[in-house]
Amino acid sequence: MPLSGALRVAVVTVSDRASRGLRDDRTGPELVTVVEKAGHCVHDTRVIADGEDQVARAVLDLAHDHDVVLLAGGTGIGPRDRTPEGVEVMCDVMVPGIGEAIRAASRARVPAADLSRACAGVRGRCLVVALPGSPRGAAEGWAAIARVVPHAVAVIAGVDHPA
C-alpha cells in the first residue's frame, strides 16, 4: 500500500439503541462523509450492538478485506462499553498512540475526554480503530488521526519508511 491513494475502509457503528432501531444512526453516516472527504473509499457499513463479542465478530469479518476498520461507539466506561476489549482480543498488536491522539484532540472541548477508551490495533494487514460514538466525537477522532492512517497502513503492509 503506497503512502498516497484511497484506502479501503469499513465503518461500524456500535450502539445497542441504533442496532435495535430505537434511534437513527447518525454517527456512521457522519464518519463515512469525513472518510470519503479525505479521499478514501468506504466499502462496508454496519450497525451492531454493544459488546465485546459483537465487536470481535465484526473485526474478524471485516479486517481481511479492508485496510482500515473504524468502529464508532462503546469506548466509554459504561457497563455495556466493551469495544476496546473486542478490538484487543482480535488484534495482533495494539497501537496506543492513536487512542492517545484521539483523546488529546478532544481535551480542550470535552472535559471528560480522558474517560474515553478510544484505541487502535493491527489485525493482519488491517488497522482497526475504535472511536467515540457521537457523530461529532467520531468525526473529530478521525480528524485527529487522518494524516497518520495512510502511513500506518503502509507500514503494516511492509512498505519501508520514507528516508
Foldseek 3Di string as FASTA:
>chain_A
DDLDAAWEEEEEEEAQCCVVVVDPQPQRVLLCVLSVVLPYDYDYYYYYYFDLVGLLVVCVVPFVPTQEYEYEALFADDPRSCNVVNQVVQAPFWDAVLLVLLLVLCVVPDVCSVRGRWTWGHHQLHIYTYWYHDNVRSSSSCVSCVSCSSVSSCVSVPNDDDD
